Amino acid sequence: MAQVDVHITARDEQVDKPWIWRLSRDFNLVVNIVRANVDADMGWIHLRLDGPVEEIQRATAFLNQSGMHVDAKQRSVQAG
């Protein structure tokens, strides 16, 4: 299992999309909101993603393909 903190920036139409819901529904991850600031036309969010490395990679690829800017901030791998 891995834990990755990501900083995501969303603009315009991405702000209104339910992409956090998609992360928790479509990927085998626990998604925690650490901090966020969202307005009508722009927002950023700091998420903590917990789960298999492959699922975190798939989720961040999904976010990038959706037009959001994703930066990994911190990574840790938990023995399991």
PDB file of N, CA and C in Angstrom:
ATOM      1  N   MET A   1       0.848  -1.181   0.000  1.00  0.00           N
ATOM      2  CA  MET A   1       0.000   0.000   0.000  1.00  0.00           C
ATOM      3  C   MET A   1       0.891   1.240   0.000  1.00  0.00           C
ATOM      4  N   ALA A   2       0.392   2.291  -0.590  1.00  0.00           N
ATOM      5  CA  ALA A   2       1.132   3.546  -0.671  1.00  0.00           C
ATOM      6  C   ALA A   2       0.226   4.690  -0.253  1.00  0.00           C
ATOM      7  N   GLN A   3       0.867   5.784   0.105  1.00  0.00           N
ATOM      8  CA  GLN A   3       0.156   7.007   0.446  1.00  0.00           C
ATOM      9  C   GLN A   3       0.850   8.138  -0.286  1.00  0.00           C
ATOM     10  N   VAL A   4       0.083   8.908  -1.050  1.00  0.00           N
ATOM     11  CA  VAL A   4       0.643  10.002  -1.831  1.00  0.00           C
ATOM     12  C   VAL A   4      -0.191  11.250  -1.591  1.00  0.00           C
ATOM     13  N   ASP A   5       0.491  12.355  -1.275  1.00  0.00           N
ATOM     14  CA  ASP A   5      -0.166  13.652  -1.201  1.00  0.00           C
ATOM     15  C   ASP A   5      -0.027  14.309  -2.566  1.00  0.00           C
ATOM     16  N   VAL A   6      -1.135  14.776  -3.110  1.00  0.00           N
ATOM     17  CA  VAL A   6      -1.121  15.443  -4.408  1.00  0.00           C
ATOM     18  C   VAL A   6      -1.784  16.805  -4.287  1.00  0.00           C
ATOM     19  N   HIS A   7      -1.278  17.740  -5.060  1.00  0.00           N
ATOM     20  CA  HIS A   7      -1.863  19.079  -5.150  1.00  0.00           C
ATOM     21  C   HIS A   7      -2.454  19.186  -6.553  1.00  0.00           C
ATOM     22  N   ILE A   8      -3.746  19.453  -6.628  1.00  0.00           N
ATOM     23  CA  ILE A   8      -4.459  19.466  -7.903  1.00  0.00           C
ATOM     24  C   ILE A   8      -5.017  20.866  -8.140  1.00  0.00           C
ATOM     25  N   THR A   9      -4.810  21.372  -9.342  1.00  0.00           N
ATOM     26  CA  THR A   9      -5.377  22.654  -9.738  1.00  0.00           C
ATOM     27  C   THR A   9      -6.401  22.400 -10.836  1.00  0.00           C
ATOM     28  N   ALA A  10      -7.592  22.936 -10.637  1.00  0.00           N
ATOM     29  CA  ALA A  10      -8.673  22.776 -11.611  1.00  0.00           C
ATOM     30  C   ALA A  10      -9.117  24.160 -12.079  1.00  0.00           C
ATOM     31  N   ARG A  11      -9.432  24.264 -13.348  1.00  0.00           N
ATOM     32  CA  ARG A  11      -9.879  25.543 -13.915  1.00  0.00           C
ATOM     33  C   ARG A  11     -11.177  25.350 -14.682  1.00  0.00           C
ATOM     34  N   ASP A  12     -11.934  26.429 -14.735  1.00  0.00           N
ATOM     35  CA  ASP A  12     -13.138  26.539 -15.546  1.00  0.00           C
ATOM     36  C   ASP A  12     -14.078  25.350 -15.376  1.00  0.00           C
ATOM     37  N   GLU A  13     -14.285  24.551 -16.438  1.00  0.00           N
ATOM     38  CA  GLU A  13     -15.288  23.483 -16.390  1.00  0.00           C
ATOM     39  C   GLU A  13     -14.921  22.347 -15.449  1.00  0.00           C
ATOM     40  N   GLN A  14     -13.627  22.155 -15.155  1.00  0.00           N
ATOM     41  CA  GLN A  14     -13.228  21.086 -14.238  1.00  0.00           C
ATOM     42  C   GLN A  14     -13.698  21.347 -12.808  1.00  0.00           C
ATOM     43  N   VAL A  15     -13.862  22.622 -12.445  1.00  0.00           N
ATOM     44  CA  VAL A  15     -14.282  22.969 -11.085  1.00  0.00           C
ATOM     45  C   VAL A  15     -15.651  22.362 -10.774  1.00  0.00           C
ATOM     46  N   ASP A  16     -16.534  22.320 -11.764  1.00  0.00           N
ATOM     47  CA  ASP A  16     -17.902  21.828 -11.557  1.00  0.00           C
ATOM     48  C   ASP A  16     -18.054  20.320 -11.696  1.00  0.00           C
ATOM     49  N   LYS A  17     -17.021  19.630 -12.131  1.00  0.00           N
ATOM     50  CA  LYS A  17     -17.104  18.174 -12.343  1.00  0.00           C
ATOM     51  C   LYS A  17     -16.916  17.416 -11.025  1.00  0.00           C
ATOM     52  N   PRO A  18     -17.564  16.260 -10.881  1.00  0.00           N
ATOM     53  CA  PRO A  18     -17.446  15.469  -9.644  1.00  0.00           C
ATOM     54  C   PRO A  18     -16.227  14.537  -9.652  1.00  0.00           C
ATOM     55  N   TRP A  19     -15.033  15.083  -9.875  1.00  0.00           N
ATOM     56  CA  TRP A  19     -13.849  14.244 -10.037  1.00  0.00           C
ATOM     57  C   TRP A  19     -13.379  13.635  -8.728  1.00  0.00           C
ATOM     58  N   ILE A  20     -13.631  14.248  -7.590  1.00  0.00           N
ATOM     59  CA  ILE A  20     -13.266  13.605  -6.316  1.00  0.00           C
ATOM     60  C   ILE A  20     -14.153  12.380  -6.106  1.00  0.00           C
ATOM     61  N   TRP A  21     -15.404  12.487  -6.423  1.00  0.00           N
ATOM     62  CA  TRP A  21     -16.318  11.338  -6.354  1.00  0.00           C
ATOM     63  C   TRP A  21     -15.843  10.234  -7.288  1.00  0.00           C
ATOM     64  N   ARG A  22     -15.394  10.604  -8.498  1.00  0.00           N
ATOM     65  CA  ARG A  22     -14.891   9.608  -9.448  1.00  0.00           C
ATOM     66  C   ARG A  22     -13.663   8.895  -8.905  1.00  0.00           C
ATOM     67  N   LEU A  23     -12.779   9.627  -8.217  1.00  0.00           N
ATOM     68  CA  LEU A  23     -11.591   8.996  -7.645  1.00  0.00           C
ATOM     69  C   LEU A  23     -11.974   7.923  -6.634  1.00  0.00           C
ATOM     70  N   SER A  24     -12.945   8.226  -5.799  1.00  0.00           N
ATOM     71  CA  SER A  24     -13.330   7.261  -4.765  1.00  0.00           C
ATOM     72  C   SER A  24     -14.173   6.124  -5.328  1.00  0.00           C
ATOM     73  N   ARG A  25     -14.871   6.347  -6.425  1.00  0.00           N
ATOM     74  CA  ARG A  25     -15.738   5.323  -7.000  1.00  0.00           C
ATOM     75  C   ARG A  25     -15.019   4.433  -8.005  1.00  0.00           C
ATOM     76  N   ASP A  26     -14.193   5.026  -8.850  1.00  0.00           N
ATOM     77  CA  ASP A  26     -13.605   4.300  -9.977  1.00  0.00           C
ATOM     78  C   ASP A  26     -12.241   3.678  -9.687  1.00  0.00           C
ATOM     79  N   PHE A  27     -11.632   4.050  -8.567  1.00  0.00           N
ATOM     80  CA  PHE A  27     -10.301   3.551  -8.247  1.00  0.00           C
ATOM     81  C   PHE A  27     -10.328   2.958  -6.846  1.00  0.00           C
ATOM     82  N   ASN A  28      -9.484   1.994  -6.605  1.00  0.00           N
ATOM     83  CA  ASN A  28      -9.417   1.318  -5.307  1.00  0.00           C
ATOM     84  C   ASN A  28      -8.553   2.147  -4.357  1.00  0.00           C
ATOM     85  N   LEU A  29      -9.086   3.331  -3.967  1.00  0.00           N
ATOM     86  CA  LEU A  29      -8.345   4.285  -3.157  1.00  0.00           C
ATOM     87  C   LEU A  29      -9.196   4.832  -2.031  1.00  0.00           C
ATOM     88  N   VAL A  30      -8.529   5.229  -0.965  1.00  0.00           N
ATOM     89  CA  VAL A  30      -9.144   6.059   0.068  1.00  0.00           C
ATOM     90  C   VAL A  30      -8.692   7.476  -0.246  1.00  0.00           C
ATOM     91  N   VAL A  31      -9.647   8.395  -0.402  1.00  0.00           N
ATOM     92  CA  VAL A  31      -9.350   9.772  -0.787  1.00  0.00           C
ATOM     93  C   VAL A  31      -9.685  10.689   0.386  1.00  0.00           C
ATOM     94  N   ASN A  32      -8.676  11.396   0.887  1.00  0.00           N
ATOM     95  CA  ASN A  32      -8.869  12.343   1.985  1.00  0.00           C
ATOM     96  C   ASN A  32      -8.552  13.747   1.513  1.00  0.00           C
ATOM     97  N   ILE A  33      -9.451  14.694   1.787  1.00  0.00           N
ATOM     98  CA  ILE A  33      -9.203  16.094   1.483  1.00  0.00           C
ATOM     99  C   ILE A  33      -8.430  16.683   2.651  1.00  0.00           C
ATOM    100  N   VAL A  34      -7.221  17.145   2.384  1.00  0.00           N
ATOM    101  CA  VAL A  34      -6.374  17.737   3.414  1.00  0.00           C
ATOM    102  C   VAL A  34      -6.640  19.236   3.514  1.00  0.00           C
ATOM    103  N   ARG A  35      -6.705  19.896   2.372  1.00  0.00           N
ATOM    104  CA  ARG A  35      -6.928  21.336   2.326  1.00  0.00           C
ATOM    105  C   ARG A  35      -7.446  21.678   0.935  1.00  0.00           C
ATOM    106  N   ALA A  36      -8.260  22.740   0.847  1.00  0.00           N
ATOM    107  CA  ALA A  36      -8.800  23.119  -0.458  1.00  0.00           C
ATOM    108  C   ALA A  36      -9.222  24.581  -0.470  1.00  0.00           C
ATOM    109  N   ASN A  37      -9.250  25.141  -1.675  1.00  0.00           N
ATOM    110  CA  ASN A  37      -9.776  26.470  -1.912  1.00  0.00           C
ATOM    111  C   ASN A  37     -10.382  26.440  -3.312  1.00  0.00           C
ATOM    112  N   VAL A  38     -11.701  26.525  -3.386  1.00  0.00           N
ATOM    113  CA  VAL A  38     -12.393  26.387  -4.666  1.00  0.00           C
ATOM    114  C   VAL A  38     -13.335  27.564  -4.859  1.00  0.00           C
ATOM    115  N   ASP A  39     -13.226  28.214  -6.012  1.00  0.00           N
ATOM    116  CA  ASP A  39     -14.124  29.288  -6.412  1.00  0.00           C
ATOM    117  C   ASP A  39     -14.887  28.825  -7.658  1.00  0.00           C
ATOM    118  N   ALA A  40     -15.684  29.719  -8.224  1.00  0.00           N
ATOM    119  CA  ALA A  40     -16.508  29.352  -9.374  1.00  0.00           C
ATOM    120  C   ALA A  40     -15.685  29.004 -10.608  1.00  0.00           C
ATOM    121  N   ASP A  41     -14.518  29.630 -10.801  1.00  0.00           N
ATOM    122  CA  ASP A  41     -13.762  29.413 -12.033  1.00  0.00           C
ATOM    123  C   ASP A  41     -12.369  28.812 -11.830  1.00  0.00           C
ATOM    124  N   MET A  42     -11.957  28.616 -10.578  1.00  0.00           N
ATOM    125  CA  MET A  42     -10.648  28.019 -10.329  1.00  0.00           C
ATOM    126  C   MET A  42     -10.616  27.464  -8.909  1.00  0.00           C
ATOM    127  N   GLY A  43      -9.842  26.416  -8.749  1.00  0.00           N
ATOM    128  CA  GLY A  43      -9.688  25.862  -7.413  1.00  0.00           C
ATOM    129  C   GLY A  43      -8.458  25.000  -7.318  1.00  0.00           C
ATOM    130  N   TRP A  44      -8.006  24.817  -6.095  1.00  0.00           N
ATOM    131  CA  TRP A  44      -6.921  23.881  -5.834  1.00  0.00           C
ATOM    132  C   TRP A  44      -7.330  23.029  -4.655  1.00  0.00           C
ATOM    133  N   ILE A  45      -6.783  21.841  -4.621  1.00  0.00           N
ATOM    134  CA  ILE A  45      -7.108  20.925  -3.546  1.00  0.00           C
ATOM    135  C   ILE A  45      -5.886  20.062  -3.250  1.00  0.00           C
ATOM    136  N   HIS A  46      -5.654  19.830  -1.989  1.00  0.00           N
ATOM    137  CA  HIS A  46      -4.577  18.954  -1.531  1.00  0.00           C
ATOM    138  C   HIS A  46      -5.260  17.670  -1.065  1.00  0.00           C
ATOM    139  N   LEU A  47      -4.993  16.582  -1.768  1.00  0.00           N
ATOM    140  CA  LEU A  47      -5.585  15.288  -1.451  1.00  0.00           C
ATOM    141  C   LEU A  47      -4.521  14.327  -0.958  1.00  0.00           C
ATOM    142  N   ARG A  48      -4.932  13.417  -0.109  1.00  0.00           N
ATOM    143  CA  ARG A  48      -4.085  12.292   0.300  1.00  0.00           C
ATOM    144  C   ARG A  48      -4.738  11.039  -0.269  1.00  0.00           C
ATOM    145  N   LEU A  49      -4.021  10.333  -1.120  1.00  0.00           N
ATOM    146  CA  LEU A  49      -4.513   9.118  -1.760  1.00  0.00           C
ATOM    147  C   LEU A  49      -3.838   7.917  -1.111  1.00  0.00           C
ATOM    148  N   ASP A  50      -4.636   6.996  -0.596  1.00  0.00           N
ATOM    149  CA  ASP A  50      -4.127   5.769   0.022  1.00  0.00           C
ATOM    150  C   ASP A  50      -4.617   4.576  -0.787  1.00  0.00           C
ATOM    151  N   GLY A  51      -3.687   3.700  -1.162  1.00  0.00           N
ATOM    152  CA  GLY A  51      -4.075   2.498  -1.883  1.00  0.00           C
ATOM    153  C   GLY A  51      -2.894   1.918  -2.637  1.00  0.00           C
ATOM    154  N   PRO A  52      -3.170   0.947  -3.485  1.00  0.00           N
ATOM    155  CA  PRO A  52      -2.107   0.334  -4.286  1.00  0.00           C
ATOM    156  C   PRO A  52      -1.459   1.359  -5.219  1.00  0.00           C
ATOM    157  N   VAL A  53      -0.160   1.239  -5.406  1.00  0.00           N
ATOM    158  CA  VAL A  53       0.590   2.169  -6.251  1.00  0.00           C
ATOM    159  C   VAL A  53      -0.026   2.252  -7.649  1.00  0.00           C
ATOM    160  N   GLU A  54      -0.421   1.112  -8.197  1.00  0.00           N
ATOM    161  CA  GLU A  54      -0.995   1.090  -9.547  1.00  0.00           C
ATOM    162  C   GLU A  54      -2.283   1.912  -9.622  1.00  0.00           C
ATOM    163  N   GLU A  55      -3.102   1.860  -8.586  1.00  0.00           N
ATOM    164  CA  GLU A  55      -4.353   2.627  -8.571  1.00  0.00           C
ATOM    165  C   GLU A  55      -4.077   4.121  -8.442  1.00  0.00           C
ATOM    166  N   ILE A  56      -3.081   4.482  -7.648  1.00  0.00           N
ATOM    167  CA  ILE A  56      -2.708   5.894  -7.532  1.00  0.00           C
ATOM    168  C   ILE A  56      -2.214   6.410  -8.880  1.00  0.00           C
ATOM    169  N   GLN A  57      -1.424   5.612  -9.573  1.00  0.00           N
ATOM    170  CA  GLN A  57      -0.938   6.003 -10.897  1.00  0.00           C
ATOM    171  C   GLN A  57      -2.090   6.144 -11.886  1.00  0.00           C
ATOM    172  N   ARG A  58      -3.022   5.208 -11.859  1.00  0.00           N
ATOM    173  CA  ARG A  58      -4.194   5.297 -12.746  1.00  0.00           C
ATOM    174  C   ARG A  58      -5.029   6.534 -12.435  1.00  0.00           C
ATOM    175  N   ALA A  59      -5.203   6.829 -11.152  1.00  0.00           N
ATOM    176  CA  ALA A  59      -6.003   7.980 -10.739  1.00  0.00           C
ATOM    177  C   ALA A  59      -5.349   9.296 -11.162  1.00  0.00           C
ATOM    178  N   THR A  60      -4.043   9.423 -10.975  1.00  0.00           N
ATOM    179  CA  THR A  60      -3.377  10.662 -11.375  1.00  0.00           C
ATOM    180  C   THR A  60      -3.365  10.812 -12.898  1.00  0.00           C
ATOM    181  N   ALA A  61      -3.267   9.703 -13.622  1.00  0.00           N
ATOM    182  CA  ALA A  61      -3.368   9.763 -15.090  1.00  0.00           C
ATOM    183  C   ALA A  61      -4.755  10.239 -15.499  1.00  0.00           C
ATOM    184  N   PHE A  62      -5.799   9.733 -14.836  1.00  0.00           N
ATOM    185  CA  PHE A  62      -7.170  10.175 -15.104  1.00  0.00           C
ATOM    186  C   PHE A  62      -7.295  11.685 -14.881  1.00  0.00           C
ATOM    187  N   LEU A  63      -6.749  12.180 -13.776  1.00  0.00           N
ATOM    188  CA  LEU A  63      -6.837  13.616 -13.482  1.00  0.00           C
ATOM    189  C   LEU A  63      -6.120  14.436 -14.548  1.00  0.00           C
ATOM    190  N   ASN A  64      -4.924  14.005 -14.940  1.00  0.00           N
ATOM    191  CA  ASN A  64      -4.190  14.713 -15.992  1.00  0.00           C
ATOM    192  C   ASN A  64      -4.952  14.702 -17.309  1.00  0.00           C
ATOM    193  N   GLN A  65      -5.526  13.560 -17.663  1.00  0.00           N
ATOM    194  CA  GLN A  65      -6.280  13.457 -18.915  1.00  0.00           C
ATOM    195  C   GLN A  65      -7.553  14.291 -18.870  1.00  0.00           C
ATOM    196  N   SER A  66      -8.041  14.576 -17.669  1.00  0.00           N
ATOM    197  CA  SER A  66      -9.239  15.406 -17.510  1.00  0.00           C
ATOM    198  C   SER A  66      -8.921  16.893 -17.585  1.00  0.00           C
ATOM    199  N   GLY A  67      -7.638  17.229 -17.749  1.00  0.00           N
ATOM    200  CA  GLY A  67      -7.246  18.625 -17.904  1.00  0.00           C
ATOM    201  C   GLY A  67      -6.805  19.315 -16.634  1.00  0.00           C
ATOM    202  N   MET A  68      -6.618  18.561 -15.571  1.00  0.00           N
ATOM    203  CA  MET A  68      -6.173  19.161 -14.323  1.00  0.00           C
ATOM    204  C   MET A  68      -4.666  19.056 -14.186  1.00  0.00           C
ATOM    205  N   HIS A  69      -4.105  19.981 -13.433  1.00  0.00           N
ATOM    206  CA  HIS A  69      -2.668  19.963 -13.171  1.00  0.00           C
ATOM    207  C   HIS A  69      -2.452  19.235 -11.853  1.00  0.00           C
ATOM    208  N   VAL A  70      -1.614  18.200 -11.861  1.00  0.00           N
ATOM    209  CA  VAL A  70      -1.388  17.358 -10.678  1.00  0.00           C
ATOM    210  C   VAL A  70       0.101  17.368 -10.330  1.00  0.00           C
ATOM    211  N   ASP A  71       0.393  17.690  -9.065  1.00  0.00           N
ATOM    212  CA  ASP A  71       1.762  17.622  -8.543  1.00  0.00           C
ATOM    213  C   ASP A  71       1.774  16.684  -7.355  1.00  0.00           C
ATOM    214  N   ALA A  72       2.647  15.681  -7.382  1.00  0.00           N
ATOM    215  CA  ALA A  72       2.824  14.810  -6.211  1.00  0.00           C
ATOM    216  C   ALA A  72       3.699  15.561  -5.221  1.00  0.00           C
ATOM    217  N   LYS A  73       3.237  15.622  -3.972  1.00  0.00           N
ATOM    218  CA  LYS A  73       3.951  16.370  -2.941  1.00  0.00           C
ATOM    219  C   LYS A  73       4.749  15.474  -2.004  1.00  0.00           C
ATOM    220  N   GLN A  74       4.188  14.380  -1.615  1.00  0.00           N
ATOM    221  CA  GLN A  74       4.855  13.501  -0.642  1.00  0.00           C
ATOM    222  C   GLN A  74       4.428  12.078  -0.918  1.00  0.00           C
ATOM    223  N   ARG A  75       5.369  11.146  -0.796  1.00  0.00           N
ATOM    224  CA  ARG A  75       5.064   9.746  -1.035  1.00  0.00           C
ATOM    225  C   ARG A  75       5.564   8.922   0.154  1.00  0.00           C
ATOM    226  N   SER A  76       4.815   7.909   0.491  1.00  0.00           N
ATOM    227  CA  SER A  76       5.313   6.934   1.465  1.00  0.00           C
ATOM    228  C   SER A  76       4.703   5.586   1.126  1.00  0.00           C
ATOM    229  N   VAL A  77       5.476   4.565   1.322  1.00  0.00           N
ATOM    230  CA  VAL A  77       5.019   3.205   1.089  1.00  0.00           C
ATOM    231  C   VAL A  77       4.942   2.511   2.433  1.00  0.00           C
ATOM    232  N   GLN A  78       3.786   1.895   2.699  1.00  0.00           N
ATOM    233  CA  GLN A  78       3.572   1.225   3.965  1.00  0.00           C
ATOM    234  C   GLN A  78       3.769  -0.269   3.778  1.00  0.00           C
ATOM    235  N   ALA A  79       4.486  -0.883   4.653  1.00  0.00           N
ATOM    236  CA  ALA A  79       4.686  -2.343   4.585  1.00  0.00           C
ATOM    237  C   ALA A  79       3.358  -3.028   4.825  1.00  0.00           C
ATOM    238  N   GLY A  80       3.104  -4.050   4.107  1.00  0.00           N
ATOM    239  CA  GLY A  80       1.831  -4.703   4.288  1.00  0.00           C
ATOM    240  C   GLY A  80       1.850  -6.032   3.777  1.00  0.00           C
TER     241      GLY A  80
END
